[in-house]
Amino acid sequence: MPKQEFIWLDYTAPVFVFVLFFIIIFILCITLINYCYITNKDDLTVFEKLGKRFNIRLGPHTWDNIRRGGYVSTYVYEQEAKLMPMSMKKRNSLASVNYEWHTLIKKQQKALSSA
């Protein structure tokens, strides 16, 4: 069996297939997934954040939502709440309200039990 001889096009075929595959995936992500499966109540997608930089709308959200930064998901909100502890002033005010509430309840219970 003779030895095969390759031309330059034979060596570039895997590169072309690789590029074509990612172009198809990119088009599917922008059209099918981004416009059909993402609702207005979802977080901003990476494509929308990228489009914001170049002033192109690449998703279902309105320009106002994109410029504002989108809706904050509940998970992100809870994580930020865990990372930011209450200030001392707020903690003291909550403690004093809690203390006053308990003393008021105890006074009412004593008044009811003595009557």
Protein backbone atom coordinates (compact mmCIF):
# COMPACT_ATOMS: atom_id res chain seq x y z
CA MET A 1 0.00 0.00 0.00
CA PRO A 2 1.53 3.31 -1.02
CA LYS A 3 2.20 6.12 1.40
CA GLN A 4 -0.51 8.79 1.60
CA GLU A 5 0.30 12.35 0.76
CA PHE A 6 -1.64 15.12 2.46
CA ILE A 7 -2.15 18.62 1.17
CA TRP A 8 -2.56 21.66 3.41
CA LEU A 9 -6.37 21.47 3.15
CA ASP A 10 -6.35 18.03 4.79
CA TYR A 11 -4.61 19.46 7.84
CA THR A 12 -6.99 22.43 8.18
CA ALA A 13 -10.18 20.34 8.07
CA PRO A 14 -10.29 19.77 11.87
CA VAL A 15 -9.91 23.51 12.42
CA PHE A 16 -12.79 24.25 10.04
CA VAL A 17 -15.01 21.65 11.73
CA PHE A 18 -14.12 23.06 15.16
CA VAL A 19 -14.97 26.62 14.08
CA LEU A 20 -18.18 25.52 12.35
CA PHE A 21 -19.30 23.60 15.45
CA PHE A 22 -18.87 26.61 17.73
CA ILE A 23 -20.56 28.95 15.25
CA ILE A 24 -23.60 26.65 15.20
CA ILE A 25 -23.65 26.43 19.02
CA PHE A 26 -23.34 30.23 19.27
CA ILE A 27 -26.24 30.82 16.87
CA LEU A 28 -28.40 28.28 18.72
CA CYS A 29 -27.62 29.93 22.06
CA ILE A 30 -28.52 33.40 20.84
CA THR A 31 -31.69 32.47 18.97
CA LEU A 32 -33.27 29.37 20.44
CA ILE A 33 -32.15 29.41 24.06
CA ASN A 34 -31.87 33.14 24.66
CA TYR A 35 -35.16 34.18 23.07
CA CYS A 36 -37.32 31.09 23.64
CA TYR A 37 -36.38 29.81 27.09
CA ILE A 38 -35.39 32.98 28.97
CA THR A 39 -38.30 34.97 30.39
CA ASN A 40 -38.43 38.61 31.44
CA LYS A 41 -38.30 37.62 35.12
CA ASP A 42 -35.00 35.71 34.75
CA ASP A 43 -31.58 37.16 35.41
CA LEU A 44 -29.67 38.84 32.62
CA THR A 45 -27.78 36.46 30.38
CA VAL A 46 -24.13 36.76 29.45
CA PHE A 47 -25.16 37.74 25.93
CA GLU A 48 -27.25 40.64 27.23
CA LYS A 49 -24.38 41.87 29.38
CA LEU A 50 -22.09 41.63 26.35
CA GLY A 51 -24.64 43.44 24.18
CA LYS A 52 -24.93 46.22 26.76
CA ARG A 53 -21.27 46.99 26.23
CA PHE A 54 -21.78 47.39 22.45
CA ASN A 55 -25.30 48.87 22.66
CA ILE A 56 -26.93 45.79 21.08
CA ARG A 57 -29.98 44.05 22.53
CA LEU A 58 -29.22 40.31 22.59
CA GLY A 59 -32.04 38.94 24.70
CA PRO A 60 -35.66 39.22 25.81
CA HIS A 61 -35.15 41.92 28.46
CA THR A 62 -35.93 45.56 27.76
CA TRP A 63 -33.24 48.22 27.57
CA ASP A 64 -34.36 49.60 30.92
CA ASN A 65 -33.84 46.23 32.61
CA ILE A 66 -30.47 45.75 30.95
CA ARG A 67 -29.19 49.20 31.92
CA ARG A 68 -30.48 48.79 35.48
CA GLY A 69 -28.73 45.45 35.78
CA GLY A 70 -31.77 43.17 35.60
CA TYR A 71 -33.71 41.54 38.37
CA VAL A 72 -31.77 40.34 41.37
CA SER A 73 -32.48 36.69 41.98
CA THR A 74 -33.56 35.54 45.40
CA TYR A 75 -30.42 33.46 45.84
CA VAL A 76 -28.13 36.43 45.19
CA TYR A 77 -30.18 38.60 47.55
CA GLU A 78 -29.93 36.02 50.34
CA GLN A 79 -26.18 35.62 49.83
CA GLU A 80 -25.65 39.39 50.01
CA ALA A 81 -27.77 39.55 53.16
CA LYS A 82 -25.55 36.90 54.77
CA LEU A 83 -22.39 38.75 53.82
CA MET A 84 -23.57 42.15 55.10
CA PRO A 85 -24.27 41.92 58.83
CA MET A 86 -26.57 44.39 60.52
CA SER A 87 -25.12 47.62 61.70
CA MET A 88 -24.74 48.11 65.44
CA LYS A 89 -27.39 50.84 65.44
CA LYS A 90 -29.95 48.63 63.72
CA ARG A 91 -29.10 45.68 65.96
CA ASN A 92 -29.57 47.81 69.10
CA SER A 93 -32.85 49.23 67.85
CA LEU A 94 -34.17 45.74 67.11
CA ALA A 95 -33.01 44.49 70.50
CA SER A 96 -34.67 47.39 72.31
CA VAL A 97 -37.94 46.85 70.43
CA ASN A 98 -37.77 43.17 71.24
CA TYR A 99 -37.07 43.92 74.92
CA GLU A 100 -39.91 46.45 75.13
CA TRP A 101 -42.27 44.00 73.45
CA HIS A 102 -41.44 41.23 75.93
CA THR A 103 -41.79 43.52 78.97
CA LEU A 104 -45.16 44.72 77.68
CA ILE A 105 -46.37 41.13 77.25
CA LYS A 106 -45.14 40.19 80.75
CA LYS A 107 -46.96 43.17 82.27
CA GLN A 108 -50.18 42.20 80.51
CA GLN A 109 -49.84 38.59 81.62
CA LYS A 110 -49.30 39.69 85.24
CA ALA A 111 -52.31 41.98 85.04
CA LEU A 112 -54.49 39.19 83.63
CA SER A 113 -53.28 36.62 86.15
CA SER A 114 -53.84 38.94 89.13
CA ALA A 115 -57.35 39.87 87.98
